[in-house]
Amino acid sequence: GHSISWNMAADVLLFNRIQGDLYARNRSYLEVQDELGFHATG
């Protein structure tokens, strides 16, 4: 959007868990956007 979201993006453990789960299930990292509900073109 037009705002800034430093805190969520700075939560490394959050991304470790989401991406780690996709890694463990041999799923594509493209699915990270489905876990967080945000898509950005490109």
Full PDB file with SEQRES, HELIX, SHEET, SSBOND, CRYST1, ORIGX, SCALE, CONECT and MASTER records, all heavy atoms in Angstrom:
SEQRES   1 A   42  GLY HIS SER ILE SER TRP ASN MET ALA ALA ASP VAL LEU          
SEQRES   2 A   42  LEU PHE ASN ARG ILE GLN GLY ASP LEU TYR ALA ARG ASN          
SEQRES   3 A   42  ARG SER TYR LEU GLU VAL GLN ASP GLU LEU GLY PHE HIS          
SEQRES   4 A   42  ALA THR GLY                                                  
HELIX    1 AA1 TRP A    6  ALA A    9  1                                   4    
HELIX    2 AA2 VAL A   12  ALA A   24  1                                  13    
HELIX    3 AA3 TYR A   29  GLU A   31  5                                   3    
HELIX    4 AA4 VAL A   32  LEU A   36  1                                   5    
CRYST1    1.000    1.000    1.000  90.00  90.00  90.00 P 1           1          
ORIGX1      1.000000  0.000000  0.000000        0.00000                         
ORIGX2      0.000000  1.000000  0.000000        0.00000                         
ORIGX3      0.000000  0.000000  1.000000        0.00000                         
SCALE1      1.000000  0.000000  0.000000        0.00000                         
SCALE2      0.000000  1.000000  0.000000        0.00000                         
SCALE3      0.000000  0.000000  1.000000        0.00000                         
ATOM      1  N   GLY A   1       0.817  -1.206   0.000  1.00  0.00           N  
ATOM      2  CA  GLY A   1       0.000   0.000   0.000  1.00  0.00           C  
ATOM      3  C   GLY A   1       0.852   1.257   0.000  1.00  0.00           C  
ATOM      4  O   GLY A   1       1.941   1.294  -0.559  1.00  0.00           O  
ATOM      5  N   HIS A   2       0.360   2.286   0.659  1.00  0.00           N  
ATOM      6  CA  HIS A   2       1.089   3.560   0.725  1.00  0.00           C  
ATOM      7  C   HIS A   2       1.749   3.767   2.079  1.00  0.00           C  
ATOM      8  O   HIS A   2       2.365   4.803   2.311  1.00  0.00           O  
ATOM      9  CB  HIS A   2       0.123   4.722   0.438  1.00  0.00           C  
ATOM     10  CG  HIS A   2      -0.317   4.794  -0.986  1.00  0.00           C  
ATOM     11  ND1 HIS A   2       0.237   5.650  -1.902  1.00  0.00           N  
ATOM     12  CD2 HIS A   2      -1.255   4.084  -1.666  1.00  0.00           C  
ATOM     13  CE1 HIS A   2      -0.341   5.486  -3.082  1.00  0.00           C  
ATOM     14  NE2 HIS A   2      -1.249   4.538  -2.955  1.00  0.00           N  
ATOM     15  N   SER A   3       1.642   2.762   2.963  1.00  0.00           N  
ATOM     16  CA  SER A   3       2.206   2.893   4.305  1.00  0.00           C  
ATOM     17  C   SER A   3       3.514   2.121   4.394  1.00  0.00           C  
ATOM     18  O   SER A   3       4.053   1.664   3.396  1.00  0.00           O  
ATOM     19  CB  SER A   3       1.198   2.393   5.348  1.00  0.00           C  
ATOM     20  OG  SER A   3       0.893   1.028   5.114  1.00  0.00           O  
ATOM     21  N   ILE A   4       4.003   1.925   5.608  1.00  0.00           N  
ATOM     22  CA  ILE A   4       5.240   1.182   5.830  1.00  0.00           C  
ATOM     23  C   ILE A   4       4.975   0.116   6.883  1.00  0.00           C  
ATOM     24  O   ILE A   4       4.226   0.346   7.830  1.00  0.00           O  
ATOM     25  CB  ILE A   4       6.387   2.119   6.267  1.00  0.00           C  
ATOM     26  CG1 ILE A   4       7.753   1.500   6.006  1.00  0.00           C  
ATOM     27  CG2 ILE A   4       6.234   2.582   7.684  1.00  0.00           C  
ATOM     28  CD1 ILE A   4       8.299   1.786   4.645  1.00  0.00           C  
ATOM     29  N   SER A   5       5.525  -1.073   6.711  1.00  0.00           N  
ATOM     30  CA  SER A   5       5.256  -2.189   7.624  1.00  0.00           C  
ATOM     31  C   SER A   5       6.576  -2.773   8.110  1.00  0.00           C  
ATOM     32  O   SER A   5       6.905  -3.929   7.828  1.00  0.00           O  
ATOM     33  CB  SER A   5       4.413  -3.264   6.927  1.00  0.00           C  
ATOM     34  OG  SER A   5       3.179  -2.754   6.495  1.00  0.00           O  
ATOM     35  N   TRP A   6       7.335  -1.977   8.851  1.00  0.00           N  
ATOM     36  CA  TRP A   6       8.637  -2.423   9.315  1.00  0.00           C  
ATOM     37  C   TRP A   6       8.540  -3.631  10.240  1.00  0.00           C  
ATOM     38  O   TRP A   6       9.323  -4.571  10.153  1.00  0.00           O  
ATOM     39  CB  TRP A   6       9.344  -1.301  10.070  1.00  0.00           C  
ATOM     40  CG  TRP A   6       9.754  -0.106   9.277  1.00  0.00           C  
ATOM     41  CD1 TRP A   6       9.400   1.193   9.487  1.00  0.00           C  
ATOM     42  CD2 TRP A   6      10.635  -0.070   8.148  1.00  0.00           C  
ATOM     43  NE1 TRP A   6       9.987   2.023   8.565  1.00  0.00           N  
ATOM     44  CE2 TRP A   6      10.755   1.262   7.735  1.00  0.00           C  
ATOM     45  CE3 TRP A   6      11.333  -1.041   7.438  1.00  0.00           C  
ATOM     46  CZ2 TRP A   6      11.537   1.660   6.650  1.00  0.00           C  
ATOM     47  CZ3 TRP A   6      12.109  -0.660   6.359  1.00  0.00           C  
ATOM     48  CH2 TRP A   6      12.207   0.669   5.982  1.00  0.00           C  
ATOM     49  N   ASN A   7       7.593  -3.626  11.161  1.00  0.00           N  
ATOM     50  CA  ASN A   7       7.600  -4.609  12.245  1.00  0.00           C  
ATOM     51  C   ASN A   7       7.333  -6.031  11.753  1.00  0.00           C  
ATOM     52  O   ASN A   7       7.996  -6.976  12.168  1.00  0.00           O  
ATOM     53  CB  ASN A   7       6.587  -4.216  13.321  1.00  0.00           C  
ATOM     54  CG  ASN A   7       6.998  -2.947  14.037  1.00  0.00           C  
ATOM     55  OD1 ASN A   7       8.152  -2.773  14.393  1.00  0.00           O  
ATOM     56  ND2 ASN A   7       6.049  -2.026  14.218  1.00  0.00           N  
ATOM     57  N   MET A   8       6.346  -6.178  10.868  1.00  0.00           N  
ATOM     58  CA  MET A   8       6.058  -7.520  10.360  1.00  0.00           C  
ATOM     59  C   MET A   8       7.239  -8.033   9.539  1.00  0.00           C  
ATOM     60  O   MET A   8       7.665  -9.183   9.682  1.00  0.00           O  
ATOM     61  CB  MET A   8       4.789  -7.511   9.504  1.00  0.00           C  
ATOM     62  CG  MET A   8       4.408  -8.887   8.983  1.00  0.00           C  
ATOM     63  SD  MET A   8       2.911  -8.872   7.971  1.00  0.00           S  
ATOM     64  CE  MET A   8       1.686  -8.425   9.197  1.00  0.00           C  
ATOM     65  N   ALA A   9       7.798  -7.176   8.687  1.00  0.00           N  
ATOM     66  CA  ALA A   9       8.912  -7.608   7.846  1.00  0.00           C  
ATOM     67  C   ALA A   9      10.156  -7.908   8.670  1.00  0.00           C  
ATOM     68  O   ALA A   9      10.999  -8.710   8.260  1.00  0.00           O  
ATOM     69  CB  ALA A   9       9.219  -6.546   6.802  1.00  0.00           C  
ATOM     70  N   ALA A  10      10.295  -7.261   9.831  1.00  0.00           N  
ATOM     71  CA  ALA A  10      11.466  -7.478  10.686  1.00  0.00           C  
ATOM     72  C   ALA A  10      11.366  -8.752  11.517  1.00  0.00           C  
ATOM     73  O   ALA A  10      12.345  -9.151  12.148  1.00  0.00           O  
ATOM     74  CB  ALA A  10      11.657  -6.278  11.617  1.00  0.00           C  
ATOM     75  N   ASP A  11      10.208  -9.402  11.494  1.00  0.00           N  
ATOM     76  CA  ASP A  11      10.005 -10.609  12.302  1.00  0.00           C  
ATOM     77  C   ASP A  11      10.601 -11.812  11.571  1.00  0.00           C  
ATOM     78  O   ASP A  11       9.910 -12.550  10.865  1.00  0.00           O  
ATOM     79  CB  ASP A  11       8.509 -10.814  12.560  1.00  0.00           C  
ATOM     80  CG  ASP A  11       8.237 -11.904  13.586  1.00  0.00           C  
ATOM     81  OD1 ASP A  11       9.173 -12.678  13.898  1.00  0.00           O  
ATOM     82  OD2 ASP A  11       7.101 -11.982  14.076  1.00  0.00           O  
ATOM     83  N   VAL A  12      11.910 -11.989  11.715  1.00  0.00           N  
ATOM     84  CA  VAL A  12      12.610 -13.061  11.013  1.00  0.00           C  
ATOM     85  C   VAL A  12      12.048 -14.428  11.393  1.00  0.00           C  
ATOM     86  O   VAL A  12      11.903 -15.316  10.554  1.00  0.00           O  
ATOM     87  CB  VAL A  12      14.121 -12.998  11.300  1.00  0.00           C  
ATOM     88  CG1 VAL A  12      14.848 -14.159  10.628  1.00  0.00           C  
ATOM     89  CG2 VAL A  12      14.690 -11.678  10.821  1.00  0.00           C  
ATOM     90  N   LEU A  13      11.723 -14.613  12.661  1.00  0.00           N  
ATOM     91  CA  LEU A  13      11.226 -15.909  13.106  1.00  0.00           C  
ATOM     92  C   LEU A  13       9.910 -16.267  12.417  1.00  0.00           C  
ATOM     93  O   LEU A  13       9.665 -17.428  12.084  1.00  0.00           O  
ATOM     94  CB  LEU A  13      11.057 -15.920  14.623  1.00  0.00           C  
ATOM     95  CG  LEU A  13      10.753 -17.281  15.255  1.00  0.00           C  
ATOM     96  CD1 LEU A  13      11.814 -18.304  14.889  1.00  0.00           C  
ATOM     97  CD2 LEU A  13      10.648 -17.154  16.774  1.00  0.00           C  
ATOM     98  N   LEU A  14       9.057 -15.255  12.184  1.00  0.00           N  
ATOM     99  CA  LEU A  14       7.806 -15.489  11.459  1.00  0.00           C  
ATOM    100  C   LEU A  14       8.099 -16.082  10.083  1.00  0.00           C  
ATOM    101  O   LEU A  14       7.495 -17.082   9.677  1.00  0.00           O  
ATOM    102  CB  LEU A  14       7.033 -14.177  11.326  1.00  0.00           C  
ATOM    103  CG  LEU A  14       5.823 -14.197  10.378  1.00  0.00           C  
ATOM    104  CD1 LEU A  14       4.729 -15.075  10.938  1.00  0.00           C  
ATOM    105  CD2 LEU A  14       5.308 -12.778  10.143  1.00  0.00           C  
ATOM    106  N   PHE A  15       9.043 -15.482   9.373  1.00  0.00           N  
ATOM    107  CA  PHE A  15       9.364 -15.960   8.035  1.00  0.00           C  
ATOM    108  C   PHE A  15      10.102 -17.292   8.096  1.00  0.00           C  
ATOM    109  O   PHE A  15       9.917 -18.151   7.229  1.00  0.00           O  
ATOM    110  CB  PHE A  15      10.169 -14.905   7.270  1.00  0.00           C  
ATOM    111  CG  PHE A  15       9.316 -13.753   6.821  1.00  0.00           C  
ATOM    112  CD1 PHE A  15       9.134 -12.657   7.642  1.00  0.00           C  
ATOM    113  CD2 PHE A  15       8.669 -13.786   5.606  1.00  0.00           C  
ATOM    114  CE1 PHE A  15       8.335 -11.602   7.242  1.00  0.00           C  
ATOM    115  CE2 PHE A  15       7.865 -12.743   5.198  1.00  0.00           C  
ATOM    116  CZ  PHE A  15       7.688 -11.641   6.017  1.00  0.00           C  
ATOM    117  N   ASN A  16      10.953 -17.479   9.103  1.00  0.00           N  
ATOM    118  CA  ASN A  16      11.597 -18.783   9.271  1.00  0.00           C  
ATOM    119  C   ASN A  16      10.552 -19.884   9.384  1.00  0.00           C  
ATOM    120  O   ASN A  16      10.705 -20.974   8.814  1.00  0.00           O  
ATOM    121  CB  ASN A  16      12.475 -18.787  10.520  1.00  0.00           C  
ATOM    122  CG  ASN A  16      13.792 -18.065  10.315  1.00  0.00           C  
ATOM    123  OD1 ASN A  16      14.138 -17.694   9.199  1.00  0.00           O  
ATOM    124  ND2 ASN A  16      14.528 -17.856  11.385  1.00  0.00           N  
ATOM    125  N   ARG A  17       9.480 -19.607  10.127  1.00  0.00           N  
ATOM    126  CA  ARG A  17       8.469 -20.639  10.372  1.00  0.00           C  
ATOM    127  C   ARG A  17       7.636 -20.900   9.128  1.00  0.00           C  
ATOM    128  O   ARG A  17       7.385 -22.058   8.761  1.00  0.00           O  
ATOM    129  CB  ARG A  17       7.581 -20.225  11.542  1.00  0.00           C  
ATOM    130  CG  ARG A  17       8.297 -20.334  12.882  1.00  0.00           C  
ATOM    131  CD  ARG A  17       7.489 -19.703  14.006  1.00  0.00           C  
ATOM    132  NE  ARG A  17       8.134 -19.947  15.298  1.00  0.00           N  
ATOM    133  CZ  ARG A  17       7.825 -19.318  16.405  1.00  0.00           C  
ATOM    134  NH1 ARG A  17       6.874 -18.393  16.417  1.00  0.00           N  
ATOM    135  NH2 ARG A  17       8.444 -19.601  17.538  1.00  0.00           N  
ATOM    136  N   ILE A  18       7.187 -19.826   8.464  1.00  0.00           N  
ATOM    137  CA  ILE A  18       6.363 -20.001   7.261  1.00  0.00           C  
ATOM    138  C   ILE A  18       7.175 -20.661   6.156  1.00  0.00           C  
ATOM    139  O   ILE A  18       6.756 -21.648   5.547  1.00  0.00           O  
ATOM    140  CB  ILE A  18       5.802 -18.645   6.796  1.00  0.00           C  
ATOM    141  CG1 ILE A  18       4.779 -18.120   7.803  1.00  0.00           C  
ATOM    142  CG2 ILE A  18       5.169 -18.765   5.411  1.00  0.00           C  
ATOM    143  CD1 ILE A  18       4.289 -16.716   7.494  1.00  0.00           C  
ATOM    144  N   GLN A  19       8.370 -20.111   5.882  1.00  0.00           N  
ATOM    145  CA  GLN A  19       9.198 -20.657   4.820  1.00  0.00           C  
ATOM    146  C   GLN A  19       9.751 -22.023   5.190  1.00  0.00           C  
ATOM    147  O   GLN A  19       9.896 -22.899   4.328  1.00  0.00           O  
ATOM    148  CB  GLN A  19      10.329 -19.673   4.489  1.00  0.00           C  
ATOM    149  CG  GLN A  19       9.789 -18.395   3.858  1.00  0.00           C  
ATOM    150  CD  GLN A  19      10.719 -17.211   3.911  1.00  0.00           C  
ATOM    151  OE1 GLN A  19      10.351 -16.114   3.557  1.00  0.00           O  
ATOM    152  NE2 GLN A  19      11.940 -17.407   4.375  1.00  0.00           N  
ATOM    153  N   GLY A  20      10.051 -22.220   6.486  1.00  0.00           N  
ATOM    154  CA  GLY A  20      10.514 -23.527   6.938  1.00  0.00           C  
ATOM    155  C   GLY A  20       9.465 -24.598   6.756  1.00  0.00           C  
ATOM    156  O   GLY A  20       9.777 -25.742   6.392  1.00  0.00           O  
ATOM    157  N   ASP A  21       8.198 -24.246   6.983  1.00  0.00           N  
ATOM    158  CA  ASP A  21       7.110 -25.207   6.774  1.00  0.00           C  
ATOM    159  C   ASP A  21       6.984 -25.564   5.296  1.00  0.00           C  
ATOM    160  O   ASP A  21       6.819 -26.740   4.942  1.00  0.00           O  
ATOM    161  CB  ASP A  21       5.798 -24.619   7.292  1.00  0.00           C  
ATOM    162  CG  ASP A  21       4.611 -25.522   7.010  1.00  0.00           C  
ATOM    163  OD1 ASP A  21       4.564 -26.633   7.566  1.00  0.00           O  
ATOM    164  OD2 ASP A  21       3.733 -25.121   6.209  1.00  0.00           O  
ATOM    165  N   LEU A  22       7.063 -24.564   4.421  1.00  0.00           N  
ATOM    166  CA  LEU A  22       7.015 -24.838   2.986  1.00  0.00           C  
ATOM    167  C   LEU A  22       8.212 -25.690   2.566  1.00  0.00           C  
ATOM    168  O   LEU A  22       8.079 -26.606   1.755  1.00  0.00           O  
ATOM    169  CB  LEU A  22       6.989 -23.524   2.200  1.00  0.00           C  
ATOM    170  CG  LEU A  22       5.725 -22.672   2.367  1.00  0.00           C  
ATOM    171  CD1 LEU A  22       5.916 -21.319   1.695  1.00  0.00           C  
ATOM    172  CD2 LEU A  22       4.505 -23.381   1.789  1.00  0.00           C  
ATOM    173  N   TYR A  23       9.381 -25.385   3.136  1.00  0.00           N  
ATOM    174  CA  TYR A  23      10.593 -26.152   2.839  1.00  0.00           C  
ATOM    175  C   TYR A  23      10.403 -27.608   3.259  1.00  0.00           C  
ATOM    176  O   TYR A  23      10.731 -28.536   2.502  1.00  0.00           O  
ATOM    177  CB  TYR A  23      11.774 -25.530   3.577  1.00  0.00           C  
ATOM    178  CG  TYR A  23      13.121 -26.122   3.263  1.00  0.00           C  
ATOM    179  CD1 TYR A  23      14.003 -25.473   2.408  1.00  0.00           C  
ATOM    180  CD2 TYR A  23      13.532 -27.336   3.819  1.00  0.00           C  
ATOM    181  CE1 TYR A  23      15.255 -26.010   2.105  1.00  0.00           C  
ATOM    182  CE2 TYR A  23      14.771 -27.887   3.525  1.00  0.00           C  
ATOM    183  CZ  TYR A  23      15.626 -27.213   2.676  1.00  0.00           C  
ATOM    184  OH  TYR A  23      16.855 -27.752   2.381  1.00  0.00           O  
ATOM    185  N   ALA A  24       9.863 -27.822   4.452  1.00  0.00           N  
ATOM    186  CA  ALA A  24       9.702 -29.179   4.981  1.00  0.00           C  
ATOM    187  C   ALA A  24       8.737 -30.003   4.138  1.00  0.00           C  
ATOM    188  O   ALA A  24       8.887 -31.224   4.012  1.00  0.00           O  
ATOM    189  CB  ALA A  24       9.224 -29.118   6.428  1.00  0.00           C  
ATOM    190  N   ARG A  25       7.743 -29.345   3.560  1.00  0.00           N  
ATOM    191  CA  ARG A  25       6.743 -30.055   2.757  1.00  0.00           C  
ATOM    192  C   ARG A  25       7.083 -30.052   1.266  1.00  0.00           C  
ATOM    193  O   ARG A  25       6.269 -30.451   0.440  1.00  0.00           O  
ATOM    194  CB  ARG A  25       5.360 -29.435   2.984  1.00  0.00           C  
ATOM    195  CG  ARG A  25       4.842 -29.612   4.404  1.00  0.00           C  
ATOM    196  CD  ARG A  25       3.400 -29.174   4.560  1.00  0.00           C  
ATOM    197  NE  ARG A  25       3.223 -27.738   4.456  1.00  0.00           N  
ATOM    198  CZ  ARG A  25       2.522 -27.109   3.506  1.00  0.00           C  
ATOM    199  NH1 ARG A  25       1.946 -27.819   2.549  1.00  0.00           N  
ATOM    200  NH2 ARG A  25       2.402 -25.809   3.495  1.00  0.00           N  
ATOM    201  N   ASN A  26       8.291 -29.571   0.935  1.00  0.00           N  
ATOM    202  CA  ASN A  26       8.740 -29.501  -0.462  1.00  0.00           C  
ATOM    203  C   ASN A  26       7.784 -28.708  -1.332  1.00  0.00           C  
ATOM    204  O   ASN A  26       7.569 -29.014  -2.515  1.00  0.00           O  
ATOM    205  CB  ASN A  26       8.942 -30.913  -1.048  1.00  0.00           C  
ATOM    206  CG  ASN A  26      10.065 -31.653  -0.354  1.00  0.00           C  
ATOM    207  OD1 ASN A  26      11.038 -31.060   0.083  1.00  0.00           O  
ATOM    208  ND2 ASN A  26       9.921 -32.970  -0.244  1.00  0.00           N  
ATOM    209  N   ARG A  27       7.243 -27.650  -0.743  1.00  0.00           N  
ATOM    210  CA  ARG A  27       6.344 -26.767  -1.482  1.00  0.00           C  
ATOM    211  C   ARG A  27       7.106 -25.560  -2.007  1.00  0.00           C  
ATOM    212  O   ARG A  27       8.163 -25.199  -1.498  1.00  0.00           O  
ATOM    213  CB  ARG A  27       5.193 -26.293  -0.592  1.00  0.00           C  
ATOM    214  CG  ARG A  27       4.388 -27.386   0.057  1.00  0.00           C  
ATOM    215  CD  ARG A  27       3.656 -28.235  -0.963  1.00  0.00           C  
ATOM    216  NE  ARG A  27       2.798 -27.447  -1.834  1.00  0.00           N  
ATOM    217  CZ  ARG A  27       2.042 -27.952  -2.795  1.00  0.00           C  
ATOM    218  NH1 ARG A  27       2.061 -29.262  -3.025  1.00  0.00           N  
ATOM    219  NH2 ARG A  27       1.289 -27.177  -3.539  1.00  0.00           N  
ATOM    220  N   SER A  28       6.540 -24.917  -3.004  1.00  0.00           N  
ATOM    221  CA  SER A  28       7.175 -23.740  -3.595  1.00  0.00           C  
ATOM    222  C   SER A  28       7.070 -22.546  -2.662  1.00  0.00           C  
ATOM    223  O   SER A  28       6.033 -22.320  -2.021  1.00  0.00           O  
ATOM    224  CB  SER A  28       6.504 -23.397  -4.926  1.00  0.00           C  
ATOM    225  OG  SER A  28       6.915 -22.123  -5.386  1.00  0.00           O  
ATOM    226  N   TYR A  29       8.134 -21.740  -2.626  1.00  0.00           N  
ATOM    227  CA  TYR A  29       8.095 -20.508  -1.833  1.00  0.00           C  
ATOM    228  C   TYR A  29       7.117 -19.486  -2.409  1.00  0.00           C  
ATOM    229  O   TYR A  29       6.822 -18.477  -1.757  1.00  0.00           O  
ATOM    230  CB  TYR A  29       9.488 -19.885  -1.744  1.00  0.00           C  
ATOM    231  CG  TYR A  29      10.382 -20.526  -0.718  1.00  0.00           C  
ATOM    232  CD1 TYR A  29      11.761 -20.503  -0.876  1.00  0.00           C  
ATOM    233  CD2 TYR A  29       9.868 -21.148   0.412  1.00  0.00           C  
ATOM    234  CE1 TYR A  29      12.606 -21.076   0.061  1.00  0.00           C  
ATOM    235  CE2 TYR A  29      10.690 -21.728   1.352  1.00  0.00           C  
ATOM    236  CZ  TYR A  29      12.065 -21.695   1.174  1.00  0.00           C  
ATOM    237  OH  TYR A  29      12.888 -22.264   2.110  1.00  0.00           O  
ATOM    238  N   LEU A  30       6.607 -19.710  -3.604  1.00  0.00           N  
ATOM    239  CA  LEU A  30       5.575 -18.823  -4.133  1.00  0.00           C  
ATOM    240  C   LEU A  30       4.339 -18.829  -3.230  1.00  0.00           C  
ATOM    241  O   LEU A  30       3.557 -17.876  -3.243  1.00  0.00           O  
ATOM    242  CB  LEU A  30       5.177 -19.259  -5.547  1.00  0.00           C  
ATOM    243  CG  LEU A  30       6.256 -19.109  -6.629  1.00  0.00           C  
ATOM    244  CD1 LEU A  30       5.779 -19.727  -7.933  1.00  0.00           C  
ATOM    245  CD2 LEU A  30       6.613 -17.644  -6.826  1.00  0.00           C  
ATOM    246  N   GLU A  31       4.185 -19.887  -2.437  1.00  0.00           N  
ATOM    247  CA  GLU A  31       3.014 -20.007  -1.572  1.00  0.00           C  
ATOM    248  C   GLU A  31       3.112 -19.153  -0.315  1.00  0.00           C  
ATOM    249  O   GLU A  31       2.151 -19.072   0.450  1.00  0.00           O  
ATOM    250  CB  GLU A  31       2.798 -21.476  -1.197  1.00  0.00           C  
ATOM    251  CG  GLU A  31       2.486 -22.367  -2.381  1.00  0.00           C  
ATOM    252  CD  GLU A  31       2.281 -23.819  -1.986  1.00  0.00           C  
ATOM    253  OE1 GLU A  31       1.829 -24.069  -0.849  1.00  0.00           O  
ATOM    254  OE2 GLU A  31       2.584 -24.709  -2.804  1.00  0.00           O  
ATOM    255  N   VAL A  32       4.272 -18.508  -0.083  1.00  0.00           N  
ATOM    256  CA  VAL A  32       4.382 -17.662   1.099  1.00  0.00           C  
ATOM    257  C   VAL A  32       3.354 -16.544   1.055  1.00  0.00           C  
ATOM    258  O   VAL A  32       2.836 -16.107   2.087  1.00  0.00           O  
ATOM    259  CB  VAL A  32       5.816 -17.099   1.238  1.00  0.00           C  
ATOM    260  CG1 VAL A  32       6.139 -16.103   0.128  1.00  0.00           C  
ATOM    261  CG2 VAL A  32       6.013 -16.430   2.593  1.00  0.00           C  
ATOM    262  N   GLN A  33       3.000 -16.090  -0.156  1.00  0.00           N  
ATOM    263  CA  GLN A  33       2.012 -15.018  -0.269  1.00  0.00           C  
ATOM    264  C   GLN A  33       0.619 -15.481   0.177  1.00  0.00           C  
ATOM    265  O   GLN A  33      -0.175 -14.687   0.673  1.00  0.00           O  
ATOM    266  CB  GLN A  33       1.963 -14.492  -1.699  1.00  0.00           C  
ATOM    267  CG  GLN A  33       1.554 -15.516  -2.727  1.00  0.00           C  
ATOM    268  CD  GLN A  33       1.764 -15.040  -4.148  1.00  0.00           C  
ATOM    269  OE1 GLN A  33       2.235 -13.937  -4.376  1.00  0.00           O  
ATOM    270  NE2 GLN A  33       1.415 -15.873  -5.123  1.00  0.00           N  
ATOM    271  N   ASP A  34       0.331 -16.780   0.018  1.00  0.00           N  
ATOM    272  CA  ASP A  34      -0.955 -17.302   0.469  1.00  0.00           C  
ATOM    273  C   ASP A  34      -1.008 -17.365   1.995  1.00  0.00           C  
ATOM    274  O   ASP A  34      -2.072 -17.169   2.603  1.00  0.00           O  
ATOM    275  CB  ASP A  34      -1.209 -18.689  -0.121  1.00  0.00           C  
ATOM    276  CG  ASP A  34      -1.219 -18.668  -1.647  1.00  0.00           C  
ATOM    277  OD1 ASP A  34      -1.713 -17.680  -2.216  1.00  0.00           O  
ATOM    278  OD2 ASP A  34      -0.715 -19.635  -2.255  1.00  0.00           O  
ATOM    279  N   GLU A  35       0.155 -17.644   2.610  1.00  0.00           N  
ATOM    280  CA  GLU A  35       0.196 -17.725   4.066  1.00  0.00           C  
ATOM    281  C   GLU A  35      -0.035 -16.357   4.704  1.00  0.00           C  
ATOM    282  O   GLU A  35      -0.639 -16.250   5.770  1.00  0.00           O  
ATOM    283  CB  GLU A  35       1.559 -18.268   4.510  1.00  0.00           C  
ATOM    284  CG  GLU A  35       1.854 -19.689   4.051  1.00  0.00           C  
ATOM    285  CD  GLU A  35       0.956 -20.705   4.728  1.00  0.00           C  
ATOM    286  OE1 GLU A  35       0.569 -20.474   5.885  1.00  0.00           O  
ATOM    287  OE2 GLU A  35       0.628 -21.726   4.087  1.00  0.00           O  
ATOM    288  N   LEU A  36       0.459 -15.298   4.071  1.00  0.00           N  
ATOM    289  CA  LEU A  36       0.333 -13.952   4.646  1.00  0.00           C  
ATOM    290  C   LEU A  36      -0.736 -13.110   3.970  1.00  0.00           C  
ATOM    291  O   LEU A  36      -1.010 -11.992   4.409  1.00  0.00           O  
ATOM    292  CB  LEU A  36       1.688 -13.234   4.569  1.00  0.00           C  
ATOM    293  CG  LEU A  36       2.723 -13.747   5.570  1.00  0.00           C  
ATOM    294  CD1 LEU A  36       4.088 -13.138   5.307  1.00  0.00           C  
ATOM    295  CD2 LEU A  36       2.302 -13.447   6.998  1.00  0.00           C  
ATOM    296  N   GLY A  37      -1.318 -13.610   2.890  1.00  0.00           N  
ATOM    297  CA  GLY A  37      -2.450 -12.913   2.281  1.00  0.00           C  
ATOM    298  C   GLY A  37      -2.103 -11.633   1.566  1.00  0.00           C  
ATOM    299  O   GLY A  37      -2.951 -10.750   1.416  1.00  0.00           O  
ATOM    300  N   PHE A  38      -0.873 -11.503   1.109  1.00  0.00           N  
ATOM    301  CA  PHE A  38      -0.460 -10.286   0.413  1.00  0.00           C  
ATOM    302  C   PHE A  38       0.289 -10.673  -0.849  1.00  0.00           C  
ATOM    303  O   PHE A  38       1.217 -11.483  -0.808  1.00  0.00           O  
ATOM    304  CB  PHE A  38       0.449  -9.437   1.312  1.00  0.00           C  
ATOM    305  CG  PHE A  38       1.103  -8.278   0.599  1.00  0.00           C  
ATOM    306  CD1 PHE A  38       0.345  -7.194   0.185  1.00  0.00           C  
ATOM    307  CD2 PHE A  38       2.455  -8.292   0.335  1.00  0.00           C  
ATOM    308  CE1 PHE A  38       0.938  -6.126  -0.485  1.00  0.00           C  
ATOM    309  CE2 PHE A  38       3.069  -7.232  -0.327  1.00  0.00           C  
ATOM    310  CZ  PHE A  38       2.293  -6.147  -0.740  1.00  0.00           C  
ATOM    311  N   HIS A  39      -0.114 -10.086  -1.974  1.00  0.00           N  
ATOM    312  CA  HIS A  39       0.565 -10.352  -3.232  1.00  0.00           C  
ATOM    313  C   HIS A  39       1.029  -9.037  -3.834  1.00  0.00           C  
ATOM    314  O   HIS A  39       0.285  -8.048  -3.859  1.00  0.00           O  
ATOM    315  CB  HIS A  39      -0.356 -11.051  -4.228  1.00  0.00           C  
ATOM    316  CG  HIS A  39       0.301 -11.284  -5.559  1.00  0.00           C  
ATOM    317  ND1 HIS A  39       1.303 -12.208  -5.740  1.00  0.00           N  
ATOM    318  CD2 HIS A  39       0.116 -10.685  -6.763  1.00  0.00           C  
ATOM    319  CE1 HIS A  39       1.705 -12.177  -6.996  1.00  0.00           C  
ATOM    320  NE2 HIS A  39       0.995 -11.259  -7.648  1.00  0.00           N  
ATOM    321  N   ALA A  40       2.257  -9.025  -4.311  1.00  0.00           N  
ATOM    322  CA  ALA A  40       2.825  -7.849  -4.973  1.00  0.00           C  
ATOM    323  C   ALA A  40       3.357  -8.285  -6.328  1.00  0.00           C  
ATOM    324  O   ALA A  40       4.182  -9.193  -6.418  1.00  0.00           O  
ATOM    325  CB  ALA A  40       3.944  -7.241  -4.133  1.00  0.00           C  
ATOM    326  N   THR A  41       2.892  -7.657  -7.377  1.00  0.00           N  
ATOM    327  CA  THR A  41       3.289  -8.021  -8.730  1.00  0.00           C  
ATOM    328  C   THR A  41       4.803  -7.971  -8.887  1.00  0.00           C  
ATOM    329  O   THR A  41       5.440  -6.980  -8.554  1.00  0.00           O  
ATOM    330  CB  THR A  41       2.638  -7.066  -9.745  1.00  0.00           C  
ATOM    331  OG1 THR A  41       1.216  -7.126  -9.589  1.00  0.00           O  
ATOM    332  CG2 THR A  41       3.015  -7.450 -11.168  1.00  0.00           C  
ATOM    333  N   GLY A  42       5.352  -9.039  -9.385  1.00  0.00           N  
ATOM    334  CA  GLY A  42       6.762  -9.051  -9.748  1.00  0.00           C  
ATOM    335  C   GLY A  42       7.713  -9.574  -8.693  1.00  0.00           C  
ATOM    336  O   GLY A  42       8.868  -9.857  -9.014  1.00  0.00           O  
TER     337      GLY A  42                                                      
MASTER        0    0    0    4    0    0    0    6  336    1    0    4          
END                                                                             
